[in-house]
PDB file of N, CA and C in Angstrom:
ATOM      1  N   MET A   1     135.631 -27.816  99.605  1.00  0.00           N
ATOM      2  CA  MET A   1     136.650 -28.439 100.369  1.00  0.00           C
ATOM      3  C   MET A   1     137.595 -27.344 100.878  1.00  0.00           C
ATOM      4  N   ILE A   2     137.927 -27.328 102.153  1.00  0.00           N
ATOM      5  CA  ILE A   2     138.807 -26.346 102.713  1.00  0.00           C
ATOM      6  C   ILE A   2     140.211 -26.921 102.678  1.00  0.00           C
ATOM      7  N   GLY A   3     141.084 -26.203 102.087  1.00  0.00           N
ATOM      8  CA  GLY A   3     142.462 -26.659 102.048  1.00  0.00           C
ATOM      9  C   GLY A   3     143.305 -25.843 103.036  1.00  0.00           C
ATOM     10  N   ARG A   4     144.550 -26.079 102.958  1.00  0.00           N
ATOM     11  CA  ARG A   4     145.482 -25.365 103.820  1.00  0.00           C
ATOM     12  C   ARG A   4     145.464 -23.874 103.445  1.00  0.00           C
ATOM     13  N   PRO A   5     145.594 -23.052 104.502  1.00  0.00           N
ATOM     14  CA  PRO A   5     145.620 -21.619 104.210  1.00  0.00           C
ATOM     15  C   PRO A   5     146.864 -21.254 103.407  1.00  0.00           C
ATOM     16  N   ARG A   6     146.738 -20.398 102.476  1.00  0.00           N
ATOM     17  CA  ARG A   6     147.881 -19.967 101.663  1.00  0.00           C
ATOM     18  C   ARG A   6     148.780 -19.093 102.493  1.00  0.00           C
ATOM     19  N   ARG A   7     150.008 -19.238 102.276  1.00  0.00           N
ATOM     20  CA  ARG A   7     150.998 -18.402 103.015  1.00  0.00           C
ATOM     21  C   ARG A   7     151.194 -17.112 102.169  1.00  0.00           C
ATOM     22  N   ILE A   8     151.069 -16.006 102.900  1.00  0.00           N
ATOM     23  CA  ILE A   8     151.219 -14.738 102.261  1.00  0.00           C
ATOM     24  C   ILE A   8     152.657 -14.331 102.392  1.00  0.00           C
ATOM     25  N   ALA A   9     153.277 -14.024 101.278  1.00  0.00           N
ATOM     26  CA  ALA A   9     154.668 -13.591 101.315  1.00  0.00           C
ATOM     27  C   ALA A   9     154.745 -12.245 102.006  1.00  0.00           C
ATOM     28  N   SER A  10     155.682 -12.122 102.951  1.00  0.00           N
ATOM     29  CA  SER A  10     155.859 -10.829 103.601  1.00  0.00           C
ATOM     30  C   SER A  10     156.890 -10.019 102.840  1.00  0.00           C
ATOM     31  N   THR A  11     156.589  -8.702 102.810  1.00  0.00           N
ATOM     32  CA  THR A  11     157.549  -7.795 102.141  1.00  0.00           C
ATOM     33  C   THR A  11     158.000  -6.814 103.180  1.00  0.00           C
ATOM     34  N   SER A  12     159.222  -6.471 103.029  1.00  0.00           N
ATOM     35  CA  SER A  12     159.791  -5.459 103.934  1.00  0.00           C
ATOM     36  C   SER A  12     159.286  -4.051 103.568  1.00  0.00           C
ATOM     37  N   ASN A  13     159.484  -3.125 104.519  1.00  0.00           N
ATOM     38  CA  ASN A  13     159.156  -1.714 104.232  1.00  0.00           C
ATOM     39  C   ASN A  13     159.929  -1.161 103.079  1.00  0.00           C
ATOM     40  N   GLU A  14     161.177  -1.606 102.996  1.00  0.00           N
ATOM     41  CA  GLU A  14     162.061  -1.141 101.924  1.00  0.00           C
ATOM     42  C   GLU A  14     161.534  -1.539 100.540  1.00  0.00           C
ATOM     43  N   GLU A  15     161.021  -2.835 100.468  1.00  0.00           N
ATOM     44  CA  GLU A  15     160.478  -3.324  99.239  1.00  0.00           C
ATOM     45  C   GLU A  15     159.172  -2.536  98.880  1.00  0.00           C
ATOM     46  N   LEU A  16     158.365  -2.259  99.908  1.00  0.00           N
ATOM     47  CA  LEU A  16     157.114  -1.507  99.674  1.00  0.00           C
ATOM     48  C   LEU A  16     157.473  -0.064  99.204  1.00  0.00           C
ATOM     49  N   ALA A  17     158.445   0.533  99.825  1.00  0.00           N
ATOM     50  CA  ALA A  17     158.789   1.886  99.410  1.00  0.00           C
ATOM     51  C   ALA A  17     159.392   1.951  98.025  1.00  0.00           C
ATOM     52  N   ALA A  18     159.995   0.842  97.579  1.00  0.00           N
ATOM     53  CA  ALA A  18     160.611   0.813  96.265  1.00  0.00           C
ATOM     54  C   ALA A  18     159.617   0.611  95.150  1.00  0.00           C
ATOM     55  N   THR A  19     158.378   0.185  95.538  1.00  0.00           N
ATOM     56  CA  THR A  19     157.423  -0.014  94.432  1.00  0.00           C
ATOM     57  C   THR A  19     157.045   1.237  93.797  1.00  0.00           C
ATOM     58  N   PRO A  20     156.842   1.279  92.506  1.00  0.00           N
ATOM     59  CA  PRO A  20     156.547   2.532  91.810  1.00  0.00           C
ATOM     60  C   PRO A  20     155.299   3.167  92.273  1.00  0.00           C
ATOM     61  N   ARG A  21     154.347   2.444  92.729  1.00  0.00           N
ATOM     62  CA  ARG A  21     153.080   2.959  93.196  1.00  0.00           C
ATOM     63  C   ARG A  21     153.148   3.684  94.525  1.00  0.00           C
ATOM     64  N   ALA A  22     153.949   3.189  95.484  1.00  0.00           N
ATOM     65  CA  ALA A  22     153.954   3.729  96.818  1.00  0.00           C
ATOM     66  C   ALA A  22     154.752   5.060  96.840  1.00  0.00           C
ATOM     67  N   ARG A  23     155.793   5.165  96.093  1.00  0.00           N
ATOM     68  CA  ARG A  23     156.672   6.331  96.158  1.00  0.00           C
ATOM     69  C   ARG A  23     155.895   7.618  95.733  1.00  0.00           C
ATOM     70  N   PRO A  24     155.233   7.649  94.563  1.00  0.00           N
ATOM     71  CA  PRO A  24     154.551   8.879  94.182  1.00  0.00           C
ATOM     72  C   PRO A  24     153.480   9.299  95.115  1.00  0.00           C
ATOM     73  N   ARG A  25     152.756   8.395  95.715  1.00  0.00           N
ATOM     74  CA  ARG A  25     151.690   8.774  96.643  1.00  0.00           C
ATOM     75  C   ARG A  25     152.249   9.524  97.802  1.00  0.00           C
ATOM     76  N   SER A  26     153.361   9.014  98.399  1.00  0.00           N
ATOM     77  CA  SER A  26     153.920   9.690  99.572  1.00  0.00           C
ATOM     78  C   SER A  26     154.468  11.073  99.159  1.00  0.00           C
ATOM     79  N   ARG A  27     155.023  11.188  97.969  1.00  0.00           N
ATOM     80  CA  ARG A  27     155.521  12.488  97.517  1.00  0.00           C
ATOM     81  C   ARG A  27     154.418  13.460  97.355  1.00  0.00           C
ATOM     82  N   TRP A  28     153.254  13.021  96.786  1.00  0.00           N
ATOM     83  CA  TRP A  28     152.162  13.902  96.607  1.00  0.00           C
ATOM     84  C   TRP A  28     151.575  14.353  97.967  1.00  0.00           C
ATOM     85  N   ARG A  29     151.576  13.458  98.915  1.00  0.00           N
ATOM     86  CA  ARG A  29     151.041  13.809 100.236  1.00  0.00           C
ATOM     87  C   ARG A  29     151.968  14.887 100.900  1.00  0.00           C
ATOM     88  N   VAL A  30     153.229  14.685 100.743  1.00  0.00           N
ATOM     89  CA  VAL A  30     154.229  15.645 101.341  1.00  0.00           C
ATOM     90  C   VAL A  30     154.071  16.985 100.617  1.00  0.00           C
ATOM     91  N   LEU A  31     153.934  16.975  99.284  1.00  0.00           N
ATOM     92  CA  LEU A  31     153.798  18.185  98.525  1.00  0.00           C
ATOM     93  C   LEU A  31     152.488  18.883  98.904  1.00  0.00           C
ATOM     94  N   ALA A  32     151.437  18.167  99.048  1.00  0.00           N
ATOM     95  CA  ALA A  32     150.136  18.740  99.444  1.00  0.00           C
ATOM     96  C   ALA A  32     150.182  19.361 100.824  1.00  0.00           C
ATOM     97  N   LEU A  33     150.814  18.682 101.721  1.00  0.00           N
ATOM     98  CA  LEU A  33     150.972  19.228 103.085  1.00  0.00           C
ATOM     99  C   LEU A  33     151.809  20.499 103.115  1.00  0.00           C
ATOM    100  N   ALA A  34     152.957  20.480 102.339  1.00  0.00           N
ATOM    101  CA  ALA A  34     153.773  21.648 102.215  1.00  0.00           C
ATOM    102  C   ALA A  34     153.012  22.820 101.659  1.00  0.00           C
ATOM    103  N   LEU A  35     152.213  22.572 100.627  1.00  0.00           N
ATOM    104  CA  LEU A  35     151.420  23.666 100.038  1.00  0.00           C
ATOM    105  C   LEU A  35     150.371  24.214 101.021  1.00  0.00           C
ATOM    106  N   LEU A  36     149.731  23.335 101.741  1.00  0.00           N
ATOM    107  CA  LEU A  36     148.740  23.813 102.711  1.00  0.00           C
ATOM    108  C   LEU A  36     149.442  24.675 103.820  1.00  0.00           C
ATOM    109  N   LEU A  37     150.560  24.277 104.258  1.00  0.00           N
ATOM    110  CA  LEU A  37     151.287  25.008 105.307  1.00  0.00           C
ATOM    111  C   LEU A  37     151.789  26.314 104.742  1.00  0.00           C
ATOM    112  N   ALA A  38     152.186  26.377 103.494  1.00  0.00           N
ATOM    113  CA  ALA A  38     152.700  27.594 102.909  1.00  0.00           C
ATOM    114  C   ALA A  38     151.581  28.600 102.654  1.00  0.00           C
ATOM    115  N   CYS A  39     150.375  28.122 102.370  1.00  0.00           N
ATOM    116  CA  CYS A  39     149.235  29.020 102.058  1.00  0.00           C
ATOM    117  C   CYS A  39     148.590  29.483 103.314  1.00  0.00           C
ATOM    118  N   ALA A  40     148.659  28.734 104.372  1.00  0.00           N
ATOM    119  CA  ALA A  40     148.015  29.119 105.644  1.00  0.00           C
ATOM    120  C   ALA A  40     148.763  30.296 106.293  1.00  0.00           C
ATOM    121  N   PRO A  41     148.007  31.313 106.642  1.00  0.00           N
ATOM    122  CA  PRO A  41     148.698  32.447 107.295  1.00  0.00           C
ATOM    123  C   PRO A  41     149.222  32.104 108.690  1.00  0.00           C
ATOM    124  N   SER A  42     150.370  32.647 109.013  1.00  0.00           N
ATOM    125  CA  SER A  42     150.955  32.395 110.306  1.00  0.00           C
ATOM    126  C   SER A  42     150.107  33.045 111.417  1.00  0.00           C
ATOM    127  N   VAL A  43     150.381  32.678 112.639  1.00  0.00           N
ATOM    128  CA  VAL A  43     149.660  33.292 113.754  1.00  0.00           C
ATOM    129  C   VAL A  43     149.938  34.783 113.784  1.00  0.00           C
ATOM    130  N   ASP A  44     151.172  35.156 113.535  1.00  0.00           N
ATOM    131  CA  ASP A  44     151.550  36.601 113.543  1.00  0.00           C
ATOM    132  C   ASP A  44     150.783  37.379 112.421  1.00  0.00           C
ATOM    133  N   GLU A  45     150.668  36.761 111.311  1.00  0.00           N
ATOM    134  CA  GLU A  45     149.882  37.386 110.194  1.00  0.00           C
ATOM    135  C   GLU A  45     148.454  37.503 110.540  1.00  0.00           C
ATOM    136  N   GLN A  46     147.858  36.458 111.126  1.00  0.00           N
ATOM    137  CA  GLN A  46     146.496  36.526 111.554  1.00  0.00           C
ATOM    138  C   GLN A  46     146.282  37.633 112.601  1.00  0.00           C
ATOM    139  N   LEU A  47     147.182  37.703 113.600  1.00  0.00           N
ATOM    140  CA  LEU A  47     147.049  38.732 114.622  1.00  0.00           C
ATOM    141  C   LEU A  47     147.174  40.138 114.030  1.00  0.00           C
ATOM    142  N   GLU A  48     148.062  40.310 113.100  1.00  0.00           N
ATOM    143  CA  GLU A  48     148.227  41.622 112.443  1.00  0.00           C
ATOM    144  C   GLU A  48     146.944  42.052 111.768  1.00  0.00           C
ATOM    145  N   THR A  49     146.301  41.102 111.019  1.00  0.00           N
ATOM    146  CA  THR A  49     145.034  41.366 110.396  1.00  0.00           C
ATOM    147  C   THR A  49     143.922  41.741 111.401  1.00  0.00           C
ATOM    148  N   ILE A  50     143.923  41.004 112.511  1.00  0.00           N
ATOM    149  CA  ILE A  50     142.932  41.252 113.579  1.00  0.00           C
ATOM    150  C   ILE A  50     143.150  42.628 114.230  1.00  0.00           C
ATOM    151  N   ARG A  51     144.444  42.966 114.461  1.00  0.00           N
ATOM    152  CA  ARG A  51     144.721  44.261 115.041  1.00  0.00           C
ATOM    153  C   ARG A  51     144.246  45.420 114.102  1.00  0.00           C
ATOM    154  N   LEU A  52     144.481  45.236 112.811  1.00  0.00           N
ATOM    155  CA  LEU A  52     144.015  46.237 111.834  1.00  0.00           C
ATOM    156  C   LEU A  52     142.498  46.315 111.810  1.00  0.00           C
ATOM    157  N   GLN A  53     141.866  45.187 111.848  1.00  0.00           N
ATOM    158  CA  GLN A  53     140.406  45.186 111.917  1.00  0.00           C
ATOM    159  C   GLN A  53     139.859  45.919 113.104  1.00  0.00           C
ATOM    160  N   GLN A  54     140.524  45.725 114.219  1.00  0.00           N
ATOM    161  CA  GLN A  54     140.084  46.434 115.471  1.00  0.00           C
ATOM    162  C   GLN A  54     140.365  47.949 115.392  1.00  0.00           C
ATOM    163  N   GLU A  55     141.447  48.272 114.783  1.00  0.00           N
ATOM    164  CA  GLU A  55     141.806  49.719 114.651  1.00  0.00           C
ATOM    165  C   GLU A  55     140.737  50.512 113.824  1.00  0.00           C
ATOM    166  N   ILE A  56     140.177  49.823 112.855  1.00  0.00           N
ATOM    167  CA  ILE A  56     139.170  50.515 112.024  1.00  0.00           C
ATOM    168  C   ILE A  56     137.765  50.263 112.543  1.00  0.00           C
ATOM    169  N   GLY A  57     137.605  49.519 113.616  1.00  0.00           N
ATOM    170  CA  GLY A  57     136.303  49.311 114.243  1.00  0.00           C
ATOM    171  C   GLY A  57     135.557  48.090 113.708  1.00  0.00           C
ATOM    172  N   SER A  58     136.193  47.181 113.014  1.00  0.00           N
ATOM    173  CA  SER A  58     135.563  45.998 112.520  1.00  0.00           C
ATOM    174  C   SER A  58     135.598  44.896 113.617  1.00  0.00           C
ATOM    175  N   TRP A  59     134.894  45.165 114.665  1.00  0.00           N
ATOM    176  CA  TRP A  59     134.974  44.302 115.834  1.00  0.00           C
ATOM    177  C   TRP A  59     134.424  42.897 115.563  1.00  0.00           C
ATOM    178  N   GLU A  60     133.286  42.790 114.855  1.00  0.00           N
ATOM    179  CA  GLU A  60     132.670  41.491 114.635  1.00  0.00           C
ATOM    180  C   GLU A  60     133.541  40.623 113.740  1.00  0.00           C
ATOM    181  N   GLU A  61     134.190  41.205 112.728  1.00  0.00           N
ATOM    182  CA  GLU A  61     135.115  40.480 111.868  1.00  0.00           C
ATOM    183  C   GLU A  61     136.362  39.999 112.711  1.00  0.00           C
ATOM    184  N   SER A  62     136.799  40.837 113.593  1.00  0.00           N
ATOM    185  CA  SER A  62     137.951  40.442 114.398  1.00  0.00           C
ATOM    186  C   SER A  62     137.598  39.259 115.311  1.00  0.00           C
ATOM    187  N   VAL A  63     136.366  39.286 115.818  1.00  0.00           N
ATOM    188  CA  VAL A  63     135.916  38.167 116.709  1.00  0.00           C
ATOM    189  C   VAL A  63     135.950  36.878 115.925  1.00  0.00           C
ATOM    190  N   ALA A  64     135.472  36.895 114.686  1.00  0.00           N
ATOM    191  CA  ALA A  64     135.437  35.683 113.861  1.00  0.00           C
ATOM    192  C   ALA A  64     136.885  35.128 113.686  1.00  0.00           C
ATOM    193  N   GLY A  65     137.797  35.993 113.357  1.00  0.00           N
ATOM    194  CA  GLY A  65     139.163  35.578 113.198  1.00  0.00           C
ATOM    195  C   GLY A  65     139.796  35.080 114.494  1.00  0.00           C
ATOM    196  N   LEU A  66     139.481  35.754 115.577  1.00  0.00           N
ATOM    197  CA  LEU A  66     140.037  35.326 116.880  1.00  0.00           C
ATOM    198  C   LEU A  66     139.473  33.995 117.321  1.00  0.00           C
ATOM    199  N   ARG A  67     138.239  33.782 117.088  1.00  0.00           N
ATOM    200  CA  ARG A  67     137.656  32.440 117.419  1.00  0.00           C
ATOM    201  C   ARG A  67     138.350  31.300 116.701  1.00  0.00           C
ATOM    202  N   GLU A  68     138.613  31.554 115.435  1.00  0.00           N
ATOM    203  CA  GLU A  68     139.376  30.592 114.622  1.00  0.00           C
ATOM    204  C   GLU A  68     140.769  30.323 115.161  1.00  0.00           C
ATOM    205  N   LEU A  69     141.438  31.418 115.436  1.00  0.00           N
ATOM    206  CA  LEU A  69     142.792  31.300 115.974  1.00  0.00           C
ATOM    207  C   LEU A  69     142.808  30.622 117.368  1.00  0.00           C
ATOM    208  N   LEU A  70     141.848  30.994 118.204  1.00  0.00           N
ATOM    209  CA  LEU A  70     141.816  30.393 119.522  1.00  0.00           C
ATOM    210  C   LEU A  70     141.348  28.939 119.525  1.00  0.00           C
ATOM    211  N   GLU A  71     140.678  28.556 118.483  1.00  0.00           N
ATOM    212  CA  GLU A  71     140.321  27.148 118.378  1.00  0.00           C
ATOM    213  C   GLU A  71     141.538  26.271 118.235  1.00  0.00           C
ATOM    214  N   ALA A  72     142.550  26.805 117.540  1.00  0.00           N
ATOM    215  CA  ALA A  72     143.827  26.056 117.384  1.00  0.00           C
ATOM    216  C   ALA A  72     144.745  26.248 118.560  1.00  0.00           C
ATOM    217  N   GLN A  73     144.733  27.450 119.148  1.00  0.00           N
ATOM    218  CA  GLN A  73     145.643  27.769 120.280  1.00  0.00           C
ATOM    219  C   GLN A  73     144.835  28.499 121.398  1.00  0.00           C
ATOM    220  N   PRO A  74     144.059  27.733 122.180  1.00  0.00           N
ATOM    221  CA  PRO A  74     143.184  28.340 123.126  1.00  0.00           C
ATOM    222  C   PRO A  74     143.902  29.194 124.217  1.00  0.00           C
ATOM    223  N   ASP A  75     145.150  28.995 124.484  1.00  0.00           N
ATOM    224  CA  ASP A  75     145.839  29.764 125.548  1.00  0.00           C
ATOM    225  C   ASP A  75     146.654  30.909 125.002  1.00  0.00           C
ATOM    226  N   HIS A  76     146.499  31.281 123.808  1.00  0.00           N
ATOM    227  CA  HIS A  76     147.325  32.355 123.196  1.00  0.00           C
ATOM    228  C   HIS A  76     146.936  33.663 123.896  1.00  0.00           C
ATOM    229  N   PRO A  77     147.851  34.324 124.639  1.00  0.00           N
ATOM    230  CA  PRO A  77     147.501  35.428 125.506  1.00  0.00           C
ATOM    231  C   PRO A  77     147.029  36.667 124.683  1.00  0.00           C
ATOM    232  N   GLU A  78     147.702  37.011 123.612  1.00  0.00           N
ATOM    233  CA  GLU A  78     147.332  38.198 122.880  1.00  0.00           C
ATOM    234  C   GLU A  78     145.957  38.008 122.215  1.00  0.00           C
ATOM    235  N   ALA A  79     145.756  36.805 121.652  1.00  0.00           N
ATOM    236  CA  ALA A  79     144.466  36.534 120.989  1.00  0.00           C
ATOM    237  C   ALA A  79     143.327  36.632 122.000  1.00  0.00           C
ATOM    238  N   ASN A  80     143.545  36.107 123.229  1.00  0.00           N
ATOM    239  CA  ASN A  80     142.536  36.218 124.267  1.00  0.00           C
ATOM    240  C   ASN A  80     142.260  37.699 124.667  1.00  0.00           C
ATOM    241  N   LEU A  81     143.342  38.432 124.796  1.00  0.00           N
ATOM    242  CA  LEU A  81     143.255  39.869 125.120  1.00  0.00           C
ATOM    243  C   LEU A  81     142.433  40.595 124.039  1.00  0.00           C
ATOM    244  N   LEU A  82     142.768  40.351 122.776  1.00  0.00           N
ATOM    245  CA  LEU A  82     142.079  40.994 121.708  1.00  0.00           C
ATOM    246  C   LEU A  82     140.581  40.581 121.623  1.00  0.00           C
ATOM    247  N   LEU A  83     140.293  39.363 121.920  1.00  0.00           N
ATOM    248  CA  LEU A  83     138.927  38.874 121.957  1.00  0.00           C
ATOM    249  C   LEU A  83     138.175  39.597 123.085  1.00  0.00           C
ATOM    250  N   GLY A  84     138.778  39.692 124.210  1.00  0.00           N
ATOM    251  CA  GLY A  84     138.110  40.394 125.334  1.00  0.00           C
ATOM    252  C   GLY A  84     137.833  41.844 125.022  1.00  0.00           C
ATOM    253  N   ARG A  85     138.808  42.496 124.431  1.00  0.00           N
ATOM    254  CA  ARG A  85     138.664  43.879 123.956  1.00  0.00           C
ATOM    255  C   ARG A  85     137.485  44.024 122.975  1.00  0.00           C
ATOM    256  N   ALA A  86     137.458  43.073 121.986  1.00  0.00           N
ATOM    257  CA  ALA A  86     136.370  43.107 120.988  1.00  0.00           C
ATOM    258  C   ALA A  86     135.021  42.930 121.624  1.00  0.00           C
ATOM    259  N   GLN A  87     134.908  41.974 122.575  1.00  0.00           N
ATOM    260  CA  GLN A  87     133.651  41.746 123.221  1.00  0.00           C
ATOM    261  C   GLN A  87     133.171  42.984 124.020  1.00  0.00           C
ATOM    262  N   LEU A  88     134.086  43.628 124.662  1.00  0.00           N
ATOM    263  CA  LEU A  88     133.798  44.850 125.406  1.00  0.00           C
ATOM    264  C   LEU A  88     133.288  45.941 124.463  1.00  0.00           C
ATOM    265  N   SER A  89     133.960  46.104 123.294  1.00  0.00           N
ATOM    266  CA  SER A  89     133.566  47.089 122.341  1.00  0.00           C
ATOM    267  C   SER A  89     132.239  46.773 121.692  1.00  0.00           C
ATOM    268  N   LEU A  90     131.845  45.528 121.636  1.00  0.00           N
ATOM    269  CA  LEU A  90     130.545  45.151 121.075  1.00  0.00           C
ATOM    270  C   LEU A  90     129.422  45.182 122.115  1.00  0.00           C
ATOM    271  N   GLY A  91     129.814  45.641 123.318  1.00  0.00           N
ATOM    272  CA  GLY A  91     128.781  45.785 124.398  1.00  0.00           C
ATOM    273  C   GLY A  91     128.415  44.424 125.014  1.00  0.00           C
ATOM    274  N   GLN A  92     129.372  43.484 125.022  1.00  0.00           N
ATOM    275  CA  GLN A  92     129.129  42.188 125.599  1.00  0.00           C
ATOM    276  C   GLN A  92     130.167  41.890 126.727  1.00  0.00           C
ATOM    277  N   PRO A  93     130.091  42.650 127.811  1.00  0.00           N
ATOM    278  CA  PRO A  93     131.106  42.447 128.849  1.00  0.00           C
ATOM    279  C   PRO A  93     131.140  41.091 129.513  1.00  0.00           C
ATOM    280  N   ALA A  94     129.985  40.417 129.576  1.00  0.00           N
ATOM    281  CA  ALA A  94     129.964  39.053 130.125  1.00  0.00           C
ATOM    282  C   ALA A  94     130.792  38.108 129.304  1.00  0.00           C
ATOM    283  N   LEU A  95     130.814  38.283 127.964  1.00  0.00           N
ATOM    284  CA  LEU A  95     131.610  37.406 127.109  1.00  0.00           C
ATOM    285  C   LEU A  95     133.090  37.772 127.153  1.00  0.00           C
ATOM    286  N   ALA A  96     133.429  38.945 127.618  1.00  0.00           N
ATOM    287  CA  ALA A  96     134.806  39.408 127.688  1.00  0.00           C
ATOM    288  C   ALA A  96     135.582  38.872 128.889  1.00  0.00           C
ATOM    289  N   ILE A  97     134.832  38.477 129.918  1.00  0.00           N
ATOM    290  CA  ILE A  97     135.474  38.084 131.187  1.00  0.00           C
ATOM    291  C   ILE A  97     136.445  36.893 130.976  1.00  0.00           C
ATOM    292  N   TRP A  98     135.929  35.802 130.380  1.00  0.00           N
ATOM    293  CA  TRP A  98     136.742  34.598 130.270  1.00  0.00           C
ATOM    294  C   TRP A  98     137.994  34.869 129.441  1.00  0.00           C
ATOM    295  N   PRO A  99     137.977  35.430 128.246  1.00  0.00           N
ATOM    296  CA  PRO A  99     139.218  35.566 127.518  1.00  0.00           C
ATOM    297  C   PRO A  99     140.153  36.541 128.170  1.00  0.00           C
ATOM    298  N   LEU A 100     139.688  37.586 128.881  1.00  0.00           N
ATOM    299  CA  LEU A 100     140.525  38.495 129.592  1.00  0.00           C
ATOM    300  C   LEU A 100     141.214  37.844 130.794  1.00  0.00           C
ATOM    301  N   GLU A 101     140.496  36.990 131.482  1.00  0.00           N
ATOM    302  CA  GLU A 101     141.091  36.240 132.594  1.00  0.00           C
ATOM    303  C   GLU A 101     142.156  35.297 132.065  1.00  0.00           C
ATOM    304  N   ARG A 102     141.847  34.644 130.938  1.00  0.00           N
ATOM    305  CA  ARG A 102     142.820  33.671 130.384  1.00  0.00           C
ATOM    306  C   ARG A 102     144.079  34.432 129.942  1.00  0.00           C
ATOM    307  N   ALA A 103     143.983  35.624 129.379  1.00  0.00           N
ATOM    308  CA  ALA A 103     145.069  36.381 128.942  1.00  0.00           C
ATOM    309  C   ALA A 103     145.974  36.763 130.128  1.00  0.00           C
ATOM    310  N   THR A 104     145.374  37.162 131.247  1.00  0.00           N
ATOM    311  CA  THR A 104     146.127  37.580 132.429  1.00  0.00           C
ATOM    312  C   THR A 104     146.885  36.450 133.112  1.00  0.00           C
ATOM    313  N   ARG A 105     146.496  35.216 132.799  1.00  0.00           N
ATOM    314  CA  ARG A 105     147.239  34.085 133.398  1.00  0.00           C
ATOM    315  C   ARG A 105     148.603  33.832 132.818  1.00  0.00           C
ATOM    316  N   ALA A 106     148.834  34.358 131.604  1.00  0.00           N
ATOM    317  CA  ALA A 106     150.136  34.150 130.874  1.00  0.00           C
ATOM    318  C   ALA A 106     151.115  35.128 131.501  1.00  0.00           C
ATOM    319  N   PRO A 107     152.344  34.631 131.729  1.00  0.00           N
ATOM    320  CA  PRO A 107     153.399  35.480 132.253  1.00  0.00           C
ATOM    321  C   PRO A 107     153.600  36.735 131.337  1.00  0.00           C
ATOM    322  N   GLY A 108     153.645  37.914 131.978  1.00  0.00           N
ATOM    323  CA  GLY A 108     153.893  39.129 131.284  1.00  0.00           C
ATOM    324  C   GLY A 108     152.647  39.768 130.707  1.00  0.00           C
ATOM    325  N   TRP A 109     151.497  39.146 130.828  1.00  0.00           N
ATOM    326  CA  TRP A 109     150.296  39.738 130.290  1.00  0.00           C
ATOM    327  C   TRP A 109     149.330  40.189 131.400  1.00  0.00           C
ATOM    328  N   ALA A 110     149.708  40.152 132.658  1.00  0.00           N
ATOM    329  CA  ALA A 110     148.812  40.497 133.724  1.00  0.00           C
ATOM    330  C   ALA A 110     148.722  42.048 133.917  1.00  0.00           C
ATOM    331  N   ASN A 111     149.630  42.794 133.383  1.00  0.00           N
ATOM    332  CA  ASN A 111     149.595  44.186 133.594  1.00  0.00           C
ATOM    333  C   ASN A 111     148.754  44.914 132.594  1.00  0.00           C
TER     334      ASN A 111
END
């Protein structure tokens, strides 16, 4: 026998936030996000590592780091310039064209 549908009591967001179970979860998520952001190297740190790799001739390693950086920020002018330089140094001029063109589109990077 089908009876009347039961009415579900609605709770406000404040009531949900006050429950002991909801509060720790959100704190752990915030803490985990903060830790991830603190551990992740900044773009400047990544670029410094890549510049050092290129100075000592570790072109292939620099390409791997640049691809990762450019995946997150595809229009970053210095990263594109460094990728183009690395591709030229690895004897792959056809692969250097696109990142070099992209780098020159940014203001101040055309020279």
